[in-house]
Amino acid sequence: MATYHQSDVRVGARAAEIDAGLRAHMNKVYGTMSIGMLITALAAWAIAGLAVTSDPTGATVALREGQYLTGLGEAIYMSPLRWVIAFGPLAFLFFGWGAIMRRASSAGVQLGFFIFASVIGLSLSSIFLVYTDASIVQTFLVTSIAFASLSIWGYVTKRDLSAMGGFLMMGVIGLIIAMVLNMFLQSSVLTLAVSAIGVVLFAGLTAFYTQDIKNTYVAHAMHGDQEWLNKAAIDGAMSLYLAFLNMFQFLLMFLGQQE
């Protein structure tokens, strides 16, 4: 009986150790994601400030009365460079992120994530030219509340969300195709449909990613490979960062008040 008791104690101690490690792992995921969001927000705000001027001297493009694009603004928003800015991050996610995860150290992966967040800030800066600051802040708060609720649900639910994840990713691919087509069609009906579907898809992915991050840690914690777990935390932060960012942008199409 003593042997069984000792075995139970060891199992209980190991479970408590994994539990504590999981909390630390999730804190790292959310902390890294939050830093990435802060970098994106600051980069977007700073670049938008540099792209617009109230001085008409030398300006060739007027946004609205009293506001003009600077040379930087014209390059970012009106030259062929805008296509690189728009599709570059997507190409990096499909072709570059996996290679960094495989070959770089955890510190290198984290640096790659923060650089990516900065570049996203460049592409996101245009929202400050289109929407009022108040509506951007309001939408960010709404997104934060929705994201937190969905992520908590994904963490605590006993339901297996793995099948839902595959369906949602197929939906995202279809959504990307529809968005590219609408760049040429300029259909307001399709824009509204894309926005609504996008909110639903990335809301679901928030819950799915959270559960997947949790399950991945529990499955690998006993192996003791801390370097791998550190990289997995950053990869999880990237997934949640993208879910939050996309949900925010699609909600902004509904809630945002234009200048």
Protein backbone atom coordinates (compact mmCIF):
# COMPACT_ATOMS: atom_id res chain seq x y z
CA MET A 1 0.00 0.00 0.00
CA ALA A 2 2.90 2.31 0.73
CA THR A 3 4.14 1.74 -2.81
CA TYR A 4 0.79 2.77 -4.26
CA HIS A 5 0.74 5.82 -2.00
CA GLN A 6 4.20 6.87 -3.15
CA SER A 7 3.18 6.37 -6.77
CA ASP A 8 0.10 8.56 -6.28
CA VAL A 9 2.25 11.25 -4.67
CA ARG A 10 4.67 11.21 -7.61
CA VAL A 11 1.82 11.37 -10.14
CA GLY A 12 0.21 14.22 -8.22
CA ALA A 13 3.48 16.11 -7.99
CA ARG A 14 4.10 15.65 -11.71
CA ALA A 15 0.58 16.86 -12.53
CA ALA A 16 1.09 19.93 -10.34
CA GLU A 17 4.42 20.61 -12.06
CA ILE A 18 2.82 20.41 -15.52
CA ASP A 19 -0.02 22.64 -14.32
CA ALA A 20 2.41 25.29 -13.12
CA GLY A 21 4.44 24.99 -16.32
CA LEU A 22 1.28 25.38 -18.41
CA ARG A 23 0.37 28.61 -16.62
CA ALA A 24 3.88 29.97 -17.22
CA HIS A 25 3.70 28.85 -20.87
CA MET A 26 0.35 30.58 -21.46
CA ASN A 27 1.64 33.73 -19.74
CA LYS A 28 4.57 33.71 -22.18
CA VAL A 29 2.20 33.25 -25.12
CA TYR A 30 -0.07 36.13 -24.11
CA GLY A 31 2.85 38.32 -23.06
CA THR A 32 4.66 37.85 -26.40
CA MET A 33 1.43 38.44 -28.30
CA SER A 34 0.75 41.64 -26.32
CA ILE A 35 4.23 43.00 -27.06
CA GLY A 36 3.68 42.22 -30.74
CA MET A 37 0.36 44.08 -30.71
CA LEU A 38 1.99 47.07 -29.00
CA ILE A 39 4.76 47.15 -31.61
CA THR A 40 2.17 47.00 -34.41
CA ALA A 41 0.04 49.78 -32.89
CA LEU A 42 3.01 52.10 -32.32
CA ALA A 43 4.43 51.43 -35.79
CA ALA A 44 1.05 52.04 -37.47
CA TRP A 45 0.45 55.26 -35.53
CA ALA A 46 3.98 56.60 -36.17
CA ILE A 47 3.95 55.80 -39.88
CA ALA A 48 0.49 57.32 -40.34
CA GLY A 49 1.80 60.49 -38.69
CA LEU A 50 4.72 60.64 -41.12
CA ALA A 51 2.52 59.88 -44.14
CA VAL A 52 0.16 62.86 -43.66
CA THR A 53 0.86 66.57 -43.44
CA SER A 54 -1.17 69.75 -43.13
CA ASP A 55 1.39 71.66 -45.20
CA PRO A 56 0.33 71.74 -48.88
CA THR A 57 3.80 72.81 -50.04
CA GLY A 58 5.08 70.20 -52.44
CA ALA A 59 2.10 67.92 -51.81
CA THR A 60 0.43 66.40 -54.88
CA VAL A 61 -2.31 64.31 -53.23
CA ALA A 62 -5.00 65.74 -50.94
CA LEU A 63 -6.71 63.33 -48.56
CA ARG A 64 -9.34 65.81 -47.41
CA GLU A 65 -9.47 69.50 -46.64
CA GLY A 66 -6.29 70.49 -44.80
CA GLN A 67 -4.61 67.06 -45.06
CA TYR A 68 -2.16 65.89 -47.71
CA LEU A 69 -0.01 62.85 -48.34
CA THR A 70 3.72 63.31 -47.89
CA GLY A 71 6.20 61.66 -50.21
CA LEU A 72 6.33 58.70 -47.83
CA GLY A 73 2.54 58.47 -47.85
CA GLU A 74 2.40 58.44 -51.63
CA ALA A 75 5.04 55.70 -51.76
CA ILE A 76 3.25 53.53 -49.20
CA TYR A 77 -0.35 53.99 -50.30
CA MET A 78 -0.26 54.89 -53.99
CA SER A 79 2.85 53.43 -55.62
CA PRO A 80 3.36 49.76 -56.61
CA LEU A 81 5.06 49.37 -53.23
CA ARG A 82 1.59 49.10 -51.69
CA TRP A 83 1.21 45.62 -53.23
CA VAL A 84 4.45 44.47 -51.59
CA ILE A 85 3.23 45.88 -48.27
CA ALA A 86 -0.15 44.18 -48.69
CA PHE A 87 1.02 40.72 -49.78
CA GLY A 88 4.52 40.57 -48.28
CA PRO A 89 3.37 39.53 -44.78
CA LEU A 90 1.11 36.84 -46.28
CA ALA A 91 4.02 35.45 -48.32
CA PHE A 92 6.19 35.45 -45.19
CA LEU A 93 3.59 33.45 -43.24
CA PHE A 94 3.27 30.85 -45.98
CA PHE A 95 6.94 30.52 -46.97
CA GLY A 96 9.12 32.07 -44.26
CA TRP A 97 7.69 31.49 -40.80
CA GLY A 98 7.96 27.70 -40.93
CA ALA A 99 11.61 27.89 -41.96
CA ILE A 100 12.39 30.27 -39.08
CA MET A 101 10.63 27.94 -36.63
CA ARG A 102 12.72 24.98 -37.84
CA ARG A 103 16.14 26.60 -38.12
CA ALA A 104 16.33 29.55 -35.71
CA SER A 105 16.78 29.55 -31.95
CA SER A 106 13.90 30.65 -29.74
CA ALA A 107 15.51 34.10 -29.49
CA GLY A 108 15.70 34.26 -33.30
CA VAL A 109 12.07 33.19 -33.64
CA GLN A 110 11.01 35.89 -31.18
CA LEU A 111 12.98 38.53 -33.08
CA GLY A 112 11.36 37.36 -36.32
CA PHE A 113 7.93 37.74 -34.74
CA PHE A 114 8.65 41.28 -33.54
CA ILE A 115 10.01 42.31 -36.97
CA PHE A 116 6.87 40.85 -38.56
CA ALA A 117 4.73 42.86 -36.11
CA SER A 118 6.55 46.03 -37.17
CA VAL A 119 5.92 45.34 -40.87
CA ILE A 120 2.24 44.68 -40.12
CA GLY A 121 2.18 48.13 -38.50
CA LEU A 122 3.24 49.57 -41.86
CA SER A 123 0.36 47.90 -43.69
CA LEU A 124 -2.12 48.73 -40.91
CA SER A 125 -1.19 52.43 -40.79
CA SER A 126 -3.79 53.28 -43.44
CA ILE A 127 -6.63 52.82 -40.92
CA PHE A 128 -5.59 56.09 -39.27
CA LEU A 129 -6.20 57.83 -42.59
CA VAL A 130 -9.65 56.31 -43.07
CA TYR A 131 -11.21 55.98 -39.60
CA THR A 132 -11.47 58.34 -36.65
CA ASP A 133 -9.17 57.72 -33.69
CA ALA A 134 -12.18 57.28 -31.39
CA SER A 135 -13.69 54.52 -33.51
CA ILE A 136 -10.34 52.74 -33.77
CA VAL A 137 -9.99 52.74 -29.98
CA GLN A 138 -13.60 51.64 -29.53
CA THR A 139 -13.20 48.76 -31.96
CA PHE A 140 -9.95 47.72 -30.29
CA LEU A 141 -11.70 47.54 -26.91
CA VAL A 142 -14.59 45.51 -28.35
CA THR A 143 -12.12 43.16 -30.02
CA SER A 144 -10.15 42.79 -26.77
CA ILE A 145 -13.27 41.80 -24.82
CA ALA A 146 -14.38 39.33 -27.50
CA PHE A 147 -10.88 37.89 -27.84
CA ALA A 148 -10.46 37.41 -24.07
CA SER A 149 -13.85 35.69 -23.78
CA LEU A 150 -13.20 33.35 -26.71
CA SER A 151 -9.68 32.52 -25.57
CA ILE A 152 -10.87 31.70 -22.04
CA TRP A 153 -13.57 29.46 -23.49
CA GLY A 154 -11.04 27.70 -25.70
CA TYR A 155 -8.83 27.11 -22.66
CA VAL A 156 -11.47 25.70 -20.31
CA THR A 157 -13.84 23.86 -22.67
CA LYS A 158 -13.79 20.06 -22.65
CA ARG A 159 -15.00 19.96 -26.23
CA ASP A 160 -12.40 18.90 -28.81
CA LEU A 161 -12.04 21.78 -31.27
CA SER A 162 -9.48 20.12 -33.58
CA ALA A 163 -12.03 19.25 -36.28
CA MET A 164 -13.35 22.82 -36.19
CA GLY A 165 -9.82 24.12 -36.78
CA GLY A 166 -9.47 22.39 -40.13
CA PHE A 167 -12.84 23.71 -41.29
CA LEU A 168 -11.98 27.25 -40.19
CA MET A 169 -8.62 27.22 -42.00
CA MET A 170 -10.35 26.17 -45.22
CA GLY A 171 -12.70 29.09 -44.66
CA VAL A 172 -9.76 31.48 -44.26
CA ILE A 173 -8.28 30.36 -47.58
CA GLY A 174 -11.64 31.00 -49.26
CA LEU A 175 -11.82 34.37 -47.53
CA ILE A 176 -8.40 35.40 -48.85
CA ILE A 177 -9.45 34.47 -52.40
CA ALA A 178 -12.66 36.51 -52.03
CA MET A 179 -10.71 39.52 -50.73
CA VAL A 180 -8.28 39.40 -53.65
CA LEU A 181 -11.16 39.18 -56.13
CA ASN A 182 -12.90 42.11 -54.45
CA MET A 183 -9.82 44.28 -54.97
CA PHE A 184 -10.83 44.26 -58.63
CA LEU A 185 -14.62 43.98 -58.30
CA GLN A 186 -14.97 46.65 -55.59
CA SER A 187 -18.34 45.21 -54.58
CA SER A 188 -19.85 46.72 -51.41
CA VAL A 189 -22.05 43.62 -50.92
CA LEU A 190 -19.04 41.31 -51.13
CA THR A 191 -17.11 43.61 -48.76
CA LEU A 192 -19.90 43.31 -46.19
CA ALA A 193 -20.06 39.53 -46.60
CA VAL A 194 -16.28 39.17 -46.29
CA SER A 195 -16.29 41.28 -43.14
CA ALA A 196 -19.04 39.25 -41.47
CA ILE A 197 -17.51 35.90 -42.40
CA GLY A 198 -14.06 37.11 -41.34
CA VAL A 199 -15.26 38.03 -37.84
CA VAL A 200 -16.87 34.59 -37.40
CA LEU A 201 -13.85 32.69 -38.74
CA PHE A 202 -11.26 34.45 -36.60
CA ALA A 203 -13.49 34.32 -33.53
CA GLY A 204 -13.57 30.54 -33.93
CA LEU A 205 -9.84 30.38 -34.59
CA THR A 206 -9.15 32.28 -31.36
CA ALA A 207 -10.79 29.49 -29.34
CA PHE A 208 -9.18 26.76 -31.49
CA TYR A 209 -5.67 28.20 -31.25
CA THR A 210 -5.95 28.61 -27.48
CA GLN A 211 -6.94 24.99 -26.99
CA ASP A 212 -4.25 23.82 -29.42
CA ILE A 213 -1.54 25.78 -27.57
CA LYS A 214 -2.66 24.25 -24.28
CA ASN A 215 -2.81 20.70 -25.66
CA THR A 216 0.55 21.05 -27.39
CA TYR A 217 2.22 22.06 -24.13
CA VAL A 218 0.65 19.24 -22.13
CA ALA A 219 1.65 16.69 -24.79
CA HIS A 220 5.30 17.81 -24.87
CA ALA A 221 5.96 19.07 -21.33
CA MET A 222 7.18 15.69 -20.09
CA HIS A 223 9.90 15.61 -22.76
CA GLY A 224 11.72 18.46 -21.06
CA ASP A 225 12.80 20.24 -24.27
CA GLN A 226 12.59 23.82 -23.03
CA GLU A 227 13.98 25.33 -26.24
CA TRP A 228 11.23 23.64 -28.26
CA LEU A 229 8.59 24.79 -25.78
CA ASN A 230 9.89 28.38 -25.96
CA LYS A 231 9.56 28.32 -29.75
CA ALA A 232 6.11 26.76 -29.46
CA ALA A 233 5.04 29.62 -27.16
CA ILE A 234 6.14 32.21 -29.74
CA ASP A 235 4.39 30.27 -32.52
CA GLY A 236 1.25 30.25 -30.39
CA ALA A 237 1.62 33.99 -29.81
CA MET A 238 1.84 34.48 -33.59
CA SER A 239 -1.37 32.49 -34.13
CA LEU A 240 -3.33 34.43 -31.50
CA TYR A 241 -1.84 37.73 -32.70
CA LEU A 242 -3.10 37.06 -36.23
CA ALA A 243 -6.53 35.99 -34.97
CA PHE A 244 -6.85 39.18 -32.89
CA LEU A 245 -5.57 41.45 -35.66
CA ASN A 246 -7.88 40.04 -38.30
CA MET A 247 -10.90 40.10 -36.02
CA PHE A 248 -10.09 43.74 -35.23
CA GLN A 249 -9.85 44.72 -38.89
CA PHE A 250 -13.08 43.01 -39.87
CA LEU A 251 -14.93 44.52 -36.90
CA LEU A 252 -13.55 47.94 -37.83
CA MET A 253 -15.37 47.65 -41.16
CA PHE A 254 -18.63 47.41 -39.16
CA LEU A 255 -17.95 49.68 -36.20
CA GLY A 256 -15.45 52.17 -37.61
CA GLN A 257 -16.55 55.72 -38.30
CA GLN A 258 -14.79 57.15 -41.31
CA GLU A 259 -13.11 60.58 -41.31
